[in-house]
Amino acid sequence: MVTVAHVRRIARALPRTEEALVRDRIKFRVGRIVYLALSRDETVLGFAFPKEERDALVAAEPAKFLPPDRVDERYHWVQVRLAAIDEPELREIVVEAWRMVVPKRVAAAHLGEASRSTS
């Protein structure tokens, strides 16, 4: 089972990430855009995720993934039970959520991806 400490360690290593406490919830954001948010009891992690893929993810693994809270349905968002994932899966979730909110060049530079420019 992963913990808040695991989430924090992975997220804080990503460029432009800031941690904030908002209404008793730990959130990670880039600028004003939140890409991770822990539930108040720190057992569920909400994360940025393509809205058009959300239903398929939740349907494929309903014991692991949850739809967003009703107030968050309009956003690119889904939730995962921390007890249901391991650290490699958490890392993938966090990095992919972060990639949704940073400029492509920032993600590419941080992840060591070769830039593909046409000359």
C-alpha atoms as a PDB file:
ATOM      1  CA  MET A   1       0.000   0.000   0.000  1.00  0.00           C
ATOM      2  CA  VAL A   2       1.252   3.451  -0.827  1.00  0.00           C
ATOM      3  CA  THR A   3       1.018   6.392   1.551  1.00  0.00           C
ATOM      4  CA  VAL A   4       0.895  10.162   1.447  1.00  0.00           C
ATOM      5  CA  ALA A   5       4.681  10.137   1.913  1.00  0.00           C
ATOM      6  CA  HIS A   6       5.038   8.195  -1.364  1.00  0.00           C
ATOM      7  CA  VAL A   7       2.740  10.617  -3.194  1.00  0.00           C
ATOM      8  CA  ARG A   8       4.609  13.606  -1.772  1.00  0.00           C
ATOM      9  CA  ARG A   9       8.050  12.236  -2.704  1.00  0.00           C
ATOM     10  CA  ILE A  10       7.063  11.553  -6.306  1.00  0.00           C
ATOM     11  CA  ALA A  11       5.106  14.778  -6.852  1.00  0.00           C
ATOM     12  CA  ARG A  12       7.656  17.106  -5.255  1.00  0.00           C
ATOM     13  CA  ALA A  13      10.343  15.804  -7.611  1.00  0.00           C
ATOM     14  CA  LEU A  14       8.379  17.056 -10.627  1.00  0.00           C
ATOM     15  CA  PRO A  15       9.211  20.520 -11.976  1.00  0.00           C
ATOM     16  CA  ARG A  16       6.848  23.391 -11.163  1.00  0.00           C
ATOM     17  CA  THR A  17       4.920  21.337  -8.594  1.00  0.00           C
ATOM     18  CA  GLU A  18       3.678  23.076  -5.472  1.00  0.00           C
ATOM     19  CA  GLU A  19       2.012  21.443  -2.482  1.00  0.00           C
ATOM     20  CA  ALA A  20      -0.928  23.188  -0.854  1.00  0.00           C
ATOM     21  CA  LEU A  21      -3.344  22.520   1.971  1.00  0.00           C
ATOM     22  CA  VAL A  22      -6.836  23.493   0.814  1.00  0.00           C
ATOM     23  CA  ARG A  23      -9.819  22.882   3.109  1.00  0.00           C
ATOM     24  CA  ASP A  24      -7.899  20.227   5.036  1.00  0.00           C
ATOM     25  CA  ARG A  25      -6.887  18.403   1.861  1.00  0.00           C
ATOM     26  CA  ILE A  26      -3.365  18.013   0.493  1.00  0.00           C
ATOM     27  CA  LYS A  27      -3.197  19.061  -3.137  1.00  0.00           C
ATOM     28  CA  PHE A  28      -0.407  19.229  -5.689  1.00  0.00           C
ATOM     29  CA  ARG A  29      -0.579  21.751  -8.472  1.00  0.00           C
ATOM     30  CA  VAL A  30       1.289  23.504 -11.227  1.00  0.00           C
ATOM     31  CA  GLY A  31       0.408  27.160 -11.050  1.00  0.00           C
ATOM     32  CA  ARG A  32      -3.319  27.231 -10.327  1.00  0.00           C
ATOM     33  CA  ILE A  33      -4.048  23.841 -11.890  1.00  0.00           C
ATOM     34  CA  VAL A  34      -4.445  20.981  -9.412  1.00  0.00           C
ATOM     35  CA  TYR A  35      -3.334  17.609 -10.727  1.00  0.00           C
ATOM     36  CA  LEU A  36      -3.437  15.557  -7.501  1.00  0.00           C
ATOM     37  CA  ALA A  37      -5.684  15.831  -4.444  1.00  0.00           C
ATOM     38  CA  LEU A  38      -5.856  13.529  -1.448  1.00  0.00           C
ATOM     39  CA  SER A  39      -9.103  12.831   0.362  1.00  0.00           C
ATOM     40  CA  ARG A  40      -9.388  14.196   3.890  1.00  0.00           C
ATOM     41  CA  ASP A  41      -8.751  10.718   5.325  1.00  0.00           C
ATOM     42  CA  GLU A  42      -5.806  10.292   2.896  1.00  0.00           C
ATOM     43  CA  THR A  43      -7.056   6.952   1.533  1.00  0.00           C
ATOM     44  CA  VAL A  44      -8.117   8.133  -1.936  1.00  0.00           C
ATOM     45  CA  LEU A  45      -6.121  10.120  -4.481  1.00  0.00           C
ATOM     46  CA  GLY A  46      -7.879  12.183  -7.120  1.00  0.00           C
ATOM     47  CA  PHE A  47      -5.801  12.842 -10.212  1.00  0.00           C
ATOM     48  CA  ALA A  48      -5.905  14.502 -13.608  1.00  0.00           C
ATOM     49  CA  PHE A  49      -7.019  12.014 -16.232  1.00  0.00           C
ATOM     50  CA  PRO A  50      -8.566  12.340 -19.698  1.00  0.00           C
ATOM     51  CA  LYS A  51     -12.333  12.676 -19.270  1.00  0.00           C
ATOM     52  CA  GLU A  52     -13.045  10.643 -22.412  1.00  0.00           C
ATOM     53  CA  GLU A  53     -11.117   7.634 -20.995  1.00  0.00           C
ATOM     54  CA  ARG A  54     -12.481   7.833 -17.437  1.00  0.00           C
ATOM     55  CA  ASP A  55     -15.481   5.488 -17.773  1.00  0.00           C
ATOM     56  CA  ALA A  56     -13.376   2.743 -19.336  1.00  0.00           C
ATOM     57  CA  LEU A  57     -10.747   2.973 -16.577  1.00  0.00           C
ATOM     58  CA  VAL A  58     -13.322   2.790 -13.783  1.00  0.00           C
ATOM     59  CA  ALA A  59     -15.228  -0.047 -15.503  1.00  0.00           C
ATOM     60  CA  ALA A  60     -12.032  -2.056 -16.041  1.00  0.00           C
ATOM     61  CA  GLU A  61     -10.948  -1.930 -12.384  1.00  0.00           C
ATOM     62  CA  PRO A  62     -13.815  -0.761 -10.158  1.00  0.00           C
ATOM     63  CA  ALA A  63     -12.157  -2.040  -6.979  1.00  0.00           C
ATOM     64  CA  LYS A  64      -9.213   0.263  -7.682  1.00  0.00           C
ATOM     65  CA  PHE A  65     -10.552   3.305  -9.531  1.00  0.00           C
ATOM     66  CA  LEU A  66     -13.520   5.537  -8.698  1.00  0.00           C
ATOM     67  CA  PRO A  67     -15.299   8.175 -10.723  1.00  0.00           C
ATOM     68  CA  PRO A  68     -14.779  11.740  -9.542  1.00  0.00           C
ATOM     69  CA  ASP A  69     -17.048  13.213  -6.904  1.00  0.00           C
ATOM     70  CA  ARG A  70     -20.195  14.650  -8.469  1.00  0.00           C
ATOM     71  CA  VAL A  71     -18.906  18.235  -8.215  1.00  0.00           C
ATOM     72  CA  ASP A  72     -15.751  17.253 -10.136  1.00  0.00           C
ATOM     73  CA  GLU A  73     -17.400  15.346 -13.006  1.00  0.00           C
ATOM     74  CA  ARG A  74     -16.911  18.238 -15.425  1.00  0.00           C
ATOM     75  CA  TYR A  75     -13.136  18.111 -14.950  1.00  0.00           C
ATOM     76  CA  HIS A  76     -10.524  15.742 -16.349  1.00  0.00           C
ATOM     77  CA  TRP A  77     -10.445  13.779 -13.109  1.00  0.00           C
ATOM     78  CA  VAL A  78     -10.677  10.277 -11.623  1.00  0.00           C
ATOM     79  CA  GLN A  79      -9.818   8.736  -8.242  1.00  0.00           C
ATOM     80  CA  VAL A  80      -7.827   5.751  -7.029  1.00  0.00           C
ATOM     81  CA  ARG A  81      -7.812   3.902  -3.707  1.00  0.00           C
ATOM     82  CA  LEU A  82      -4.246   4.119  -2.383  1.00  0.00           C
ATOM     83  CA  ALA A  83      -4.551   0.708  -0.709  1.00  0.00           C
ATOM     84  CA  ALA A  84      -5.166  -0.863  -4.121  1.00  0.00           C
ATOM     85  CA  ILE A  85      -1.958   0.244  -5.859  1.00  0.00           C
ATOM     86  CA  ASP A  86       1.784  -0.201  -5.466  1.00  0.00           C
ATOM     87  CA  GLU A  87       4.543   2.363  -5.806  1.00  0.00           C
ATOM     88  CA  PRO A  88       5.327   1.794  -9.519  1.00  0.00           C
ATOM     89  CA  GLU A  89       1.650   2.261 -10.391  1.00  0.00           C
ATOM     90  CA  LEU A  90       1.475   5.366  -8.192  1.00  0.00           C
ATOM     91  CA  ARG A  91       4.505   6.814  -9.977  1.00  0.00           C
ATOM     92  CA  GLU A  92       2.842   6.262 -13.359  1.00  0.00           C
ATOM     93  CA  ILE A  93      -0.401   7.890 -12.177  1.00  0.00           C
ATOM     94  CA  VAL A  94       1.372  10.917 -10.690  1.00  0.00           C
ATOM     95  CA  VAL A  95       3.679  11.503 -13.662  1.00  0.00           C
ATOM     96  CA  GLU A  96       0.896  11.144 -16.231  1.00  0.00           C
ATOM     97  CA  ALA A  97      -1.368  13.511 -14.260  1.00  0.00           C
ATOM     98  CA  TRP A  98       1.479  16.040 -14.051  1.00  0.00           C
ATOM     99  CA  ARG A  99       2.109  15.733 -17.801  1.00  0.00           C
ATOM    100  CA  MET A 100      -1.467  16.866 -18.410  1.00  0.00           C
ATOM    101  CA  VAL A 101      -0.831  20.225 -16.735  1.00  0.00           C
ATOM    102  CA  VAL A 102       2.706  21.250 -17.690  1.00  0.00           C
ATOM    103  CA  PRO A 103       3.937  22.476 -21.051  1.00  0.00           C
ATOM    104  CA  LYS A 104       5.059  19.613 -23.290  1.00  0.00           C
ATOM    105  CA  ARG A 105       8.604  20.949 -23.398  1.00  0.00           C
ATOM    106  CA  VAL A 106       8.838  20.891 -19.581  1.00  0.00           C
ATOM    107  CA  ALA A 107       7.644  17.290 -19.435  1.00  0.00           C
ATOM    108  CA  ALA A 108       9.971  16.257 -22.253  1.00  0.00           C
ATOM    109  CA  ALA A 109      12.976  17.930 -20.634  1.00  0.00           C
ATOM    110  CA  HIS A 110      12.293  16.400 -17.241  1.00  0.00           C
ATOM    111  CA  LEU A 111      11.580  12.922 -18.567  1.00  0.00           C
ATOM    112  CA  GLY A 112      14.548  12.976 -20.939  1.00  0.00           C
ATOM    113  CA  GLU A 113      12.484  12.621 -24.063  1.00  0.00           C
ATOM    114  CA  ALA A 114      14.185  13.598 -27.289  1.00  0.00           C
ATOM    115  CA  SER A 115      12.631  16.667 -28.804  1.00  0.00           C
ATOM    116  CA  ARG A 116      11.401  16.050 -32.293  1.00  0.00           C
ATOM    117  CA  SER A 117      11.856  19.215 -34.249  1.00  0.00           C
ATOM    118  CA  THR A 118      11.509  19.590 -37.933  1.00  0.00           C
ATOM    119  CA  SER A 119      14.287  21.550 -39.513  1.00  0.00           C
END
